[in-house]
N, C-alpha and C. Protein backbone atom coordinates (compact mmCIF):
# COMPACT_ATOMS: atom_id res chain seq x y z
N SER A 1 0.74 -1.42 -0.06
CA SER A 1 0.00 0.02 0.12
C SER A 1 0.75 1.18 0.14
N THR A 2 1.86 1.12 0.84
CA THR A 2 2.78 2.47 0.84
C THR A 2 3.62 2.90 -0.48
N VAL A 3 3.85 1.62 -1.04
CA VAL A 3 4.99 1.51 -2.13
C VAL A 3 3.71 2.13 -3.12
N GLY A 4 2.31 1.80 -3.11
CA GLY A 4 1.56 1.97 -4.33
C GLY A 4 1.15 3.62 -4.00
N GLN A 5 1.13 4.26 -2.81
CA GLN A 5 0.82 5.66 -2.38
C GLN A 5 1.92 6.31 -3.14
N MET A 6 3.25 5.74 -2.66
CA MET A 6 4.45 6.23 -3.38
C MET A 6 4.49 6.51 -4.65
N ALA A 7 4.16 5.49 -5.49
CA ALA A 7 4.33 5.44 -7.22
C ALA A 7 3.14 6.40 -7.35
N GLY A 8 2.05 6.35 -7.06
CA GLY A 8 1.07 7.66 -7.25
C GLY A 8 1.44 8.91 -7.23
N SER A 9 2.36 8.96 -5.98
CA SER A 9 2.73 10.44 -5.99
C SER A 9 3.96 10.86 -7.09
N ILE A 10 4.81 9.78 -7.35
CA ILE A 10 5.87 9.78 -8.21
C ILE A 10 5.25 10.30 -9.44
N ILE A 11 4.11 9.46 -9.85
CA ILE A 11 3.37 9.49 -11.32
C ILE A 11 2.86 11.17 -11.27
N HIS A 12 1.94 11.34 -10.10
CA HIS A 12 1.65 12.82 -10.02
C HIS A 12 2.53 13.75 -10.18
N ASP A 13 3.77 13.57 -9.54
CA ASP A 13 4.88 14.61 -10.02
C ASP A 13 5.50 14.66 -11.20
N PHE A 14 5.67 13.77 -12.01
CA PHE A 14 5.71 13.48 -13.34
C PHE A 14 4.87 14.87 -14.31
N ARG A 15 3.79 14.90 -13.96
CA ARG A 15 3.13 15.73 -14.64
C ARG A 15 3.86 17.39 -14.82
N THR A 16 4.50 17.53 -13.56
CA THR A 16 4.95 19.12 -13.80
C THR A 16 6.09 19.37 -14.90
N PRO A 17 7.10 18.31 -14.80
CA PRO A 17 8.11 18.39 -15.81
C PRO A 17 7.55 17.98 -17.13
N MET A 18 6.73 17.03 -17.34
CA MET A 18 6.19 16.80 -18.67
C MET A 18 5.53 17.86 -19.01
N THR A 19 4.72 18.54 -18.41
CA THR A 19 4.03 19.71 -19.08
C THR A 19 4.95 20.64 -19.79
N GLY A 20 5.95 20.93 -18.51
CA GLY A 20 7.11 22.00 -19.20
C GLY A 20 7.59 21.50 -20.32
N MET A 21 8.11 20.14 -20.37
CA MET A 21 8.50 19.97 -21.80
C MET A 21 7.65 20.08 -22.96
N ALA A 22 6.46 19.53 -22.67
CA ALA A 22 5.48 19.62 -23.87
C ALA A 22 5.30 20.94 -24.09
N LEU A 23 5.32 22.19 -23.40
CA LEU A 23 5.18 23.26 -23.48
C LEU A 23 6.48 24.05 -24.26
N ALA A 24 7.45 23.68 -23.99
CA ALA A 24 8.55 24.14 -24.48
C ALA A 24 8.89 23.47 -26.19
N ILE A 25 8.63 22.36 -26.17
CA ILE A 25 8.38 21.53 -27.57
C ILE A 25 7.61 22.16 -28.42
N GLU A 26 6.36 22.42 -27.94
CA GLU A 26 5.24 23.42 -28.59
C GLU A 26 6.07 24.42 -29.16
N ARG A 27 6.47 25.32 -28.04
CA ARG A 27 6.92 26.66 -28.66
C ARG A 27 8.47 26.58 -29.48
N LEU A 28 8.94 25.70 -29.48
CA LEU A 28 10.00 25.52 -30.27
C LEU A 28 9.62 25.07 -31.80
N GLN A 29 8.45 24.16 -32.04
CA GLN A 29 7.77 24.02 -33.15
C GLN A 29 7.26 24.91 -33.74
N LYS A 30 6.66 26.11 -32.99
CA LYS A 30 5.77 26.95 -33.81
C LYS A 30 6.16 28.30 -33.78
N SER A 31 7.76 28.60 -33.28
CA SER A 31 8.22 29.96 -33.07
C SER A 31 9.32 29.85 -33.98
N GLU A 32 9.23 30.64 -35.40
CA GLU A 32 10.38 30.87 -36.18
C GLU A 32 11.16 31.97 -35.73
N ALA A 33 10.69 32.98 -35.05
CA ALA A 33 11.49 34.38 -34.88
C ALA A 33 12.05 34.24 -33.18
N MET A 34 13.00 33.07 -33.41
CA MET A 34 13.45 33.12 -31.81
C MET A 34 14.72 32.97 -32.04
N THR A 35 15.43 33.83 -30.82
CA THR A 35 16.93 34.01 -30.69
C THR A 35 17.55 32.68 -30.44
N PRO A 36 18.94 32.76 -30.93
CA PRO A 36 19.45 31.33 -30.21
C PRO A 36 19.39 31.13 -28.79
N ASP A 37 19.43 32.18 -27.98
CA ASP A 37 19.65 32.18 -26.61
C ASP A 37 17.87 31.57 -25.97
N GLN A 38 17.01 32.06 -26.66
CA GLN A 38 15.93 31.59 -26.64
C GLN A 38 15.58 30.11 -26.59
N ARG A 39 16.12 29.57 -27.86
CA ARG A 39 15.92 28.10 -27.91
C ARG A 39 16.62 27.65 -27.07
N ASN A 40 17.91 27.75 -26.64
CA ASN A 40 18.55 27.13 -26.02
C ASN A 40 18.22 27.22 -24.58
N ASP A 41 17.64 28.22 -24.05
CA ASP A 41 16.67 28.08 -22.51
C ASP A 41 15.64 26.89 -22.91
N LEU A 42 14.74 26.87 -23.79
CA LEU A 42 13.89 25.90 -24.03
C LEU A 42 14.50 24.39 -24.01
N TYR A 43 15.30 24.44 -24.86
CA TYR A 43 15.96 22.95 -24.87
C TYR A 43 16.68 22.61 -23.61
N ASN A 44 17.33 23.57 -22.89
CA ASN A 44 17.58 23.20 -21.47
C ASN A 44 16.80 22.90 -20.34
N MET A 45 15.24 23.64 -20.61
CA MET A 45 14.11 23.13 -19.89
C MET A 45 13.85 22.01 -19.93
N VAL A 46 13.87 21.54 -21.54
CA VAL A 46 13.69 19.94 -21.66
C VAL A 46 14.61 18.90 -20.93
N ARG A 47 16.00 19.34 -21.23
CA ARG A 47 16.88 18.62 -20.28
C ARG A 47 16.83 18.55 -18.86
N VAL A 48 16.61 19.41 -18.21
CA VAL A 48 16.26 19.48 -16.77
C VAL A 48 15.06 18.74 -16.10
N SER A 49 14.03 18.92 -17.05
CA SER A 49 12.88 18.19 -17.00
C SER A 49 13.02 16.54 -16.67
N ILE A 50 14.05 16.06 -17.94
CA ILE A 50 14.03 14.69 -17.96
C ILE A 50 15.18 14.27 -16.85
N ASP A 51 16.07 15.18 -16.59
CA ASP A 51 16.87 14.72 -15.23
C ASP A 51 16.36 14.73 -13.90
N ARG A 52 15.09 15.68 -13.78
CA ARG A 52 14.09 15.42 -12.72
C ARG A 52 13.44 14.33 -12.64
N MET A 53 13.00 13.90 -13.84
CA MET A 53 12.09 12.70 -13.84
C MET A 53 12.86 11.46 -13.47
N ASN A 54 14.25 11.48 -14.00
CA ASN A 54 14.97 10.33 -13.69
C ASN A 54 15.38 10.22 -12.32
N ARG A 55 15.93 11.23 -11.79
CA ARG A 55 15.70 11.21 -10.46
C ARG A 55 14.69 10.63 -9.49
N MET A 56 13.44 10.94 -10.18
CA MET A 56 12.12 10.90 -9.50
C MET A 56 12.10 9.22 -9.49
N MET A 57 12.21 8.35 -10.47
CA MET A 57 12.35 7.19 -10.77
C MET A 57 13.35 6.50 -9.93
N GLN A 58 14.63 7.05 -10.01
CA GLN A 58 15.33 6.21 -8.88
C GLN A 58 15.41 6.55 -7.32
N GLU A 59 14.27 7.60 -7.04
CA GLU A 59 13.78 7.57 -5.68
C GLU A 59 12.95 6.74 -5.66
N LEU A 60 11.99 6.31 -6.59
CA LEU A 60 10.88 5.35 -6.50
C LEU A 60 11.79 3.92 -6.11
N LEU A 61 12.67 3.53 -6.73
CA LEU A 61 13.36 2.35 -6.81
C LEU A 61 13.88 2.13 -5.37
N ASP A 62 14.59 3.38 -4.84
CA ASP A 62 15.28 3.39 -3.53
C ASP A 62 14.15 3.13 -2.56
N PHE A 63 13.06 3.99 -2.56
CA PHE A 63 12.13 3.42 -1.73
C PHE A 63 11.52 2.13 -1.58
N SER A 64 11.24 1.51 -2.47
CA SER A 64 10.66 0.20 -2.68
C SER A 64 11.73 -0.54 -2.11
N ARG A 65 13.02 -0.14 -2.11
CA ARG A 65 14.26 -1.25 -1.23
C ARG A 65 14.36 -0.82 -0.27
N GLY A 66 13.47 0.24 0.38
CA GLY A 66 13.71 0.52 1.81
C GLY A 66 14.94 1.45 1.90
N GLU A 67 15.39 2.08 1.10
CA GLU A 67 16.81 2.82 0.85
C GLU A 67 16.50 4.13 0.92
N ALA A 68 14.98 4.73 1.07
CA ALA A 68 14.78 5.98 1.12
C ALA A 68 15.39 7.15 1.77
N LYS A 69 15.99 8.36 1.34
CA LYS A 69 16.83 9.14 2.63
C LYS A 69 16.61 10.52 1.93
N LEU A 70 16.97 11.30 2.72
CA LEU A 70 17.06 12.82 1.93
C LEU A 70 18.49 12.99 1.38
N ASN A 71 18.56 13.76 0.65
CA ASN A 71 19.68 14.49 -0.19
C ASN A 71 19.92 15.55 -0.08
N HIS A 72 20.47 15.67 1.13
CA HIS A 72 20.88 17.36 1.49
C HIS A 72 22.28 17.82 0.74
N SER A 73 22.26 19.07 0.02
CA SER A 73 22.81 19.61 -0.52
C SER A 73 23.16 21.30 -0.38
N GLU A 74 24.14 21.94 -0.62
CA GLU A 74 24.00 23.18 -0.30
C GLU A 74 23.13 23.77 -1.85
N CYS A 75 22.57 24.62 -1.74
CA CYS A 75 21.67 25.09 -2.83
C CYS A 75 21.53 26.60 -2.83
N ASN A 76 22.01 27.22 -4.09
CA ASN A 76 21.87 28.77 -3.81
C ASN A 76 20.36 28.95 -4.05
N ILE A 77 19.89 29.93 -3.21
CA ILE A 77 18.70 29.67 -3.18
C ILE A 77 17.99 30.78 -4.22
N GLU A 78 18.38 31.83 -4.58
CA GLU A 78 18.12 32.64 -5.95
C GLU A 78 18.06 31.97 -7.30
N GLU A 79 19.07 31.09 -7.52
CA GLU A 79 18.94 30.41 -8.65
C GLU A 79 17.84 29.05 -8.48
N PHE A 80 17.96 28.53 -7.44
CA PHE A 80 16.90 27.52 -6.99
C PHE A 80 15.50 28.11 -7.45
N THR A 81 15.01 29.21 -6.83
CA THR A 81 13.70 29.68 -6.70
C THR A 81 13.46 30.05 -8.37
N SER A 82 14.16 31.43 -9.00
CA SER A 82 14.28 30.86 -10.46
C SER A 82 14.01 30.00 -11.34
N SER A 83 14.90 29.04 -10.85
CA SER A 83 14.64 27.65 -11.78
C SER A 83 12.98 27.45 -11.35
N VAL A 84 12.56 27.11 -10.21
CA VAL A 84 11.33 26.66 -10.14
C VAL A 84 10.22 27.50 -10.68
N ALA A 85 10.67 29.10 -10.72
CA ALA A 85 9.46 29.55 -11.48
C ALA A 85 9.61 29.96 -13.09
N ARG A 86 10.75 29.34 -13.22
CA ARG A 86 10.79 29.20 -15.05
C ARG A 86 9.68 28.25 -15.47
N SER A 87 10.04 27.15 -14.48
CA SER A 87 9.25 25.65 -14.63
C SER A 87 7.96 25.82 -14.88
N VAL A 88 7.52 26.76 -14.28
CA VAL A 88 5.82 27.16 -14.42
C VAL A 88 5.47 28.36 -15.05
N ASP A 89 6.26 29.02 -15.50
CA ASP A 89 5.87 30.44 -16.17
C ASP A 89 5.30 30.08 -17.49
N LEU A 90 5.59 29.22 -18.23
CA LEU A 90 5.15 29.02 -19.56
C LEU A 90 3.51 28.60 -19.48
N ASP A 91 3.22 27.62 -18.34
CA ASP A 91 1.96 27.07 -18.19
C ASP A 91 1.13 28.24 -17.99
N MET A 92 1.77 28.73 -16.88
CA MET A 92 0.55 30.07 -16.52
C MET A 92 0.21 31.29 -17.38
N GLN A 93 1.38 31.31 -18.40
CA GLN A 93 1.21 32.41 -19.60
C GLN A 93 0.08 32.05 -20.27
N ARG A 94 0.29 30.27 -20.82
CA ARG A 94 -0.55 29.82 -21.57
C ARG A 94 -2.19 29.67 -20.87
N LYS A 95 -2.19 29.85 -19.65
CA LYS A 95 -3.48 29.85 -19.00
C LYS A 95 -3.92 31.52 -18.89
N GLU A 96 -2.81 32.42 -19.26
CA GLU A 96 -3.33 33.64 -19.04
C GLU A 96 -3.49 33.81 -17.62
N ILE A 97 -2.58 33.50 -16.52
CA ILE A 97 -2.31 33.76 -15.33
C ILE A 97 -1.28 34.62 -15.10
N LYS A 98 -1.09 35.64 -14.33
CA LYS A 98 -0.19 36.68 -13.93
C LYS A 98 0.86 35.83 -13.02
N PHE A 99 1.85 35.48 -13.49
CA PHE A 99 2.84 34.94 -12.31
C PHE A 99 4.00 35.88 -12.00
N VAL A 100 4.10 36.01 -10.56
CA VAL A 100 5.41 36.93 -10.28
C VAL A 100 5.94 36.21 -9.09
N ALA A 101 7.27 36.13 -9.37
CA ALA A 101 8.01 35.73 -8.39
C ALA A 101 8.97 36.65 -7.82
N GLU A 102 8.90 37.07 -6.39
CA GLU A 102 9.68 37.97 -5.75
C GLU A 102 10.46 37.38 -4.95
N LEU A 103 11.86 37.33 -5.28
CA LEU A 103 12.86 36.51 -4.90
C LEU A 103 13.67 37.18 -4.33
N ALA A 104 13.52 37.41 -2.83
CA ALA A 104 14.37 38.52 -1.80
C ALA A 104 15.38 38.31 -1.05
N VAL A 105 15.46 36.71 -1.02
CA VAL A 105 16.55 35.99 -0.27
C VAL A 105 17.70 35.58 -1.25
N LYS A 106 19.07 36.11 -0.88
CA LYS A 106 20.07 35.71 -1.83
C LYS A 106 21.19 34.73 -0.82
N GLY A 107 21.62 33.80 -1.27
CA GLY A 107 22.71 32.95 -0.31
C GLY A 107 22.37 31.59 -0.69
N THR A 108 22.77 30.70 0.28
CA THR A 108 22.78 29.40 0.04
C THR A 108 21.82 29.02 1.40
N ALA A 109 21.32 27.72 1.22
CA ALA A 109 20.62 26.67 2.13
C ALA A 109 21.13 25.70 2.17
N TRP A 110 20.77 24.67 3.09
CA TRP A 110 21.28 23.18 2.97
C TRP A 110 19.61 22.62 2.74
N VAL A 111 19.51 21.84 1.58
CA VAL A 111 17.83 21.34 1.17
C VAL A 111 18.13 19.92 0.47
N ASP A 112 17.32 19.50 0.09
CA ASP A 112 16.94 18.34 -0.78
C ASP A 112 16.26 18.99 -1.81
N ARG A 113 17.18 19.41 -2.66
CA ARG A 113 16.61 20.38 -3.74
C ARG A 113 15.47 19.62 -4.84
N ASP A 114 15.41 18.45 -4.93
CA ASP A 114 14.60 17.31 -5.82
C ASP A 114 13.39 17.64 -5.02
N ARG A 115 13.35 17.48 -3.99
CA ARG A 115 12.02 17.20 -3.07
C ARG A 115 11.42 18.52 -2.82
N LEU A 116 12.37 19.52 -2.41
CA LEU A 116 11.87 20.94 -2.24
C LEU A 116 11.16 21.25 -3.44
N GLN A 117 11.68 21.34 -4.62
CA GLN A 117 11.67 21.71 -6.06
C GLN A 117 9.89 21.01 -6.65
N ARG A 118 10.02 19.71 -6.02
CA ARG A 118 8.64 19.29 -6.17
C ARG A 118 7.61 19.81 -5.26
N ALA A 119 7.75 19.74 -3.92
CA ALA A 119 6.87 20.33 -3.06
C ALA A 119 6.50 21.66 -3.71
N ILE A 120 7.47 22.67 -4.06
CA ILE A 120 6.67 24.05 -4.20
C ILE A 120 6.24 23.89 -5.60
N GLY A 121 6.60 23.07 -6.69
CA GLY A 121 5.97 22.59 -7.78
C GLY A 121 4.39 22.53 -7.79
N ASN A 122 4.51 21.54 -6.75
CA ASN A 122 2.77 20.74 -6.48
C ASN A 122 1.94 21.93 -6.20
N ILE A 123 2.70 22.76 -4.96
CA ILE A 123 1.87 24.15 -4.42
C ILE A 123 1.37 24.96 -5.54
N LEU A 124 2.42 25.30 -6.39
CA LEU A 124 2.36 26.09 -7.57
C LEU A 124 1.02 25.71 -8.31
N SER A 125 1.37 24.37 -8.84
CA SER A 125 0.16 23.61 -9.69
C SER A 125 -1.19 23.89 -9.34
N ASN A 126 -1.39 23.61 -7.79
CA ASN A 126 -2.65 23.75 -7.08
C ASN A 126 -2.98 25.25 -7.28
N ALA A 127 -2.18 26.31 -6.83
CA ALA A 127 -2.50 27.59 -7.16
C ALA A 127 -2.91 27.90 -8.40
N GLU A 128 -2.24 27.35 -9.64
CA GLU A 128 -2.59 27.48 -10.69
C GLU A 128 -4.15 26.91 -10.89
N ASP A 129 -4.21 25.90 -10.60
CA ASP A 129 -5.62 25.08 -10.74
C ASP A 129 -6.93 26.06 -10.23
N ALA A 130 -6.22 26.54 -8.90
CA ALA A 130 -7.53 27.37 -8.16
C ALA A 130 -7.59 28.87 -8.68
N THR A 131 -6.52 29.17 -9.71
CA THR A 131 -6.69 30.83 -10.06
C THR A 131 -7.26 30.86 -11.81
N PRO A 132 -8.49 31.72 -11.70
CA PRO A 132 -9.21 31.82 -12.81
C PRO A 132 -8.05 32.77 -13.79
N LYS A 133 -8.30 32.45 -15.10
CA LYS A 133 -8.22 33.07 -16.29
C LYS A 133 -8.21 34.81 -15.89
N GLY A 134 -6.90 35.46 -16.05
CA GLY A 134 -6.56 36.73 -15.62
C GLY A 134 -6.12 36.99 -14.06
N GLY A 135 -6.25 35.67 -13.36
CA GLY A 135 -5.70 35.94 -12.16
C GLY A 135 -4.12 36.01 -11.76
N GLU A 136 -3.90 35.85 -10.40
CA GLU A 136 -2.30 36.11 -10.39
C GLU A 136 -2.13 34.83 -9.37
N VAL A 137 -0.84 34.47 -9.53
CA VAL A 137 -0.17 33.69 -8.63
C VAL A 137 1.46 34.43 -7.95
N LEU A 138 1.62 34.33 -6.90
CA LEU A 138 2.76 34.95 -6.30
C LEU A 138 3.68 34.20 -5.34
N LEU A 139 4.74 34.07 -6.09
CA LEU A 139 5.86 33.07 -5.45
C LEU A 139 7.07 34.31 -4.61
N THR A 140 6.93 34.18 -3.16
CA THR A 140 7.73 34.70 -2.45
C THR A 140 8.99 34.21 -1.52
N THR A 141 10.14 34.56 -1.73
CA THR A 141 10.87 34.06 -0.81
C THR A 141 11.27 34.93 0.40
N SER A 142 11.44 34.69 1.55
CA SER A 142 11.93 35.71 2.64
C SER A 142 12.71 34.70 3.89
N SER A 143 13.22 35.33 4.54
CA SER A 143 13.92 34.56 5.78
C SER A 143 13.61 35.17 7.19
N ASP A 144 13.42 34.76 8.35
CA ASP A 144 13.32 35.11 9.70
C ASP A 144 13.93 34.38 10.48
N ASP A 145 14.89 34.57 11.16
CA ASP A 145 15.53 34.21 12.64
C ASP A 145 16.23 32.92 11.86
N GLY A 146 17.12 32.96 10.66
CA GLY A 146 17.54 31.70 9.92
C GLY A 146 16.71 30.79 8.98
N LEU A 147 15.60 30.97 9.05
CA LEU A 147 14.65 30.26 8.60
C LEU A 147 14.40 30.62 6.81
N LEU A 148 14.30 29.75 6.09
CA LEU A 148 14.14 30.15 4.92
C LEU A 148 12.35 29.93 4.51
N ILE A 149 11.90 30.85 3.97
CA ILE A 149 10.28 30.57 3.93
C ILE A 149 10.13 30.89 2.40
N PHE A 150 9.24 29.95 2.02
CA PHE A 150 8.87 30.14 0.63
C PHE A 150 7.01 30.27 0.72
N SER A 151 6.68 31.20 0.25
CA SER A 151 4.89 31.70 0.34
C SER A 151 4.48 31.76 -1.23
N ILE A 152 3.43 31.08 -1.26
CA ILE A 152 2.46 31.27 -2.17
C ILE A 152 1.16 31.65 -1.90
N ARG A 153 0.82 32.78 -3.00
CA ARG A 153 -0.32 33.07 -2.64
C ARG A 153 -1.19 33.21 -4.27
N ASP A 154 -2.61 32.82 -4.27
CA ASP A 154 -3.38 33.39 -5.41
C ASP A 154 -4.50 33.60 -5.11
N SER A 155 -4.90 34.32 -6.52
CA SER A 155 -6.02 35.06 -6.20
C SER A 155 -7.59 33.99 -6.51
N GLY A 156 -7.30 32.71 -6.07
CA GLY A 156 -8.51 31.86 -6.16
C GLY A 156 -9.18 31.88 -4.96
N ASN A 157 -10.33 31.09 -5.16
CA ASN A 157 -11.24 31.39 -4.06
C ASN A 157 -10.94 30.58 -2.80
N GLY A 158 -9.77 29.96 -2.52
CA GLY A 158 -9.04 29.16 -1.43
C GLY A 158 -9.80 27.97 -1.10
N ILE A 159 -8.95 27.41 0.09
CA ILE A 159 -9.70 25.83 0.31
C ILE A 159 -11.04 26.13 1.62
N PRO A 160 -11.73 25.44 1.69
CA PRO A 160 -12.66 25.82 2.68
C PRO A 160 -12.19 25.18 3.96
N GLU A 161 -12.35 25.92 4.98
CA GLU A 161 -12.15 25.38 6.50
C GLU A 161 -12.34 24.08 6.76
N GLU A 162 -13.42 23.22 6.49
CA GLU A 162 -13.61 21.94 6.52
C GLU A 162 -12.71 20.79 5.73
N VAL A 163 -11.78 21.51 4.86
CA VAL A 163 -11.01 20.74 4.24
C VAL A 163 -9.48 20.96 4.40
N ARG A 164 -9.40 21.74 5.00
CA ARG A 164 -7.78 22.57 5.19
C ARG A 164 -7.10 21.55 6.11
N HIS A 165 -7.78 20.86 6.92
CA HIS A 165 -7.09 20.03 8.21
C HIS A 165 -6.85 18.74 7.42
N ARG A 166 -7.26 18.41 6.22
CA ARG A 166 -7.12 17.17 5.39
C ARG A 166 -6.05 17.18 4.51
N VAL A 167 -5.61 18.48 3.83
CA VAL A 167 -4.91 18.64 2.34
C VAL A 167 -3.87 17.86 2.23
N PHE A 168 -3.16 17.66 3.40
CA PHE A 168 -1.83 16.75 3.56
C PHE A 168 -1.61 15.36 3.58
N GLU A 169 -3.34 14.72 3.69
CA GLU A 169 -3.69 13.37 3.42
C GLU A 169 -3.55 12.82 2.16
N PRO A 170 -3.19 11.68 1.73
CA PRO A 170 -2.93 11.15 0.59
C PRO A 170 -4.72 11.35 -0.04
N PHE A 171 -4.67 11.70 -1.45
CA PHE A 171 -5.98 11.21 -1.92
C PHE A 171 -7.04 12.10 -1.54
N VAL A 172 -6.60 13.37 -1.01
CA VAL A 172 -7.52 14.50 -0.58
C VAL A 172 -7.29 15.52 -1.46
N THR A 173 -8.29 15.78 -2.09
CA THR A 173 -8.48 17.16 -2.84
C THR A 173 -9.64 17.71 -2.86
N TYR A 174 -9.62 19.19 -3.22
CA TYR A 174 -11.02 19.81 -3.37
C TYR A 174 -10.76 20.82 -4.71
N GLY A 175 -12.03 20.74 -5.44
CA GLY A 175 -11.90 21.82 -6.42
C GLY A 175 -10.92 21.80 -7.64
N LYS A 176 -10.29 20.40 -8.03
CA LYS A 176 -9.14 20.55 -8.93
C LYS A 176 -10.23 19.71 -10.21
N SER A 177 -9.68 20.31 -11.52
CA SER A 177 -10.26 19.37 -12.65
C SER A 177 -9.32 18.48 -12.68
N ARG A 178 -7.92 18.35 -12.41
CA ARG A 178 -7.05 17.45 -12.48
C ARG A 178 -6.22 17.20 -11.22
N GLY A 179 -5.56 16.28 -10.90
CA GLY A 179 -4.76 16.05 -9.61
C GLY A 179 -5.46 14.55 -8.85
N THR A 180 -4.56 14.08 -8.11
CA THR A 180 -4.94 12.90 -7.67
C THR A 180 -5.23 12.93 -6.05
N GLY A 181 -4.94 14.22 -5.72
CA GLY A 181 -4.82 14.44 -4.02
C GLY A 181 -3.66 13.71 -3.66
N LEU A 182 -2.27 13.77 -4.26
CA LEU A 182 -1.45 12.94 -3.83
C LEU A 182 -0.22 14.09 -3.61
N GLY A 183 0.00 15.43 -4.71
CA GLY A 183 1.10 16.14 -4.58
C GLY A 183 1.20 16.70 -3.00
N LEU A 184 0.41 17.23 -2.45
CA LEU A 184 0.80 17.80 -1.23
C LEU A 184 1.12 16.70 0.06
N ALA A 185 0.58 15.53 -0.32
CA ALA A 185 0.77 14.29 0.57
C ALA A 185 2.48 14.06 0.37
């Protein structure tokens, strides 16, 4: 059961990099008036997404063998947050949602980069689902007494009080057209 839930979570998490790759490829196919730097950025987005998916598959294999562990490393916060923002920006543009990233924190932190990126990506995906066309999603970074804080706000309706206490449980979802209820879990 646990491996099944983990597999469901990994499959859910595959959607973010796959969506980014599909949008990058679509943009590459449709746009002839692109600079070499713009093309390289899109090719890099595809490569980074494939690398993320390979790491997720390895994580599932490790977990199924009882070898799951956090992979902490020093991470440049500004570069990390910019990368997360780039991974969702194309999809937000396509849905006509204004996406703003206010990156106030500079420096490094000791994190499991892949898992943190997936967690923030899942919350941004939820915000995107909850935000109507013409709405806004805001990602900010701040720090408080040595703690790194990521905040995400959207202009959607919010989560009803009766569901809030359960949103981190597997298979709990509310008001989403897509999703399994595994992203936050």
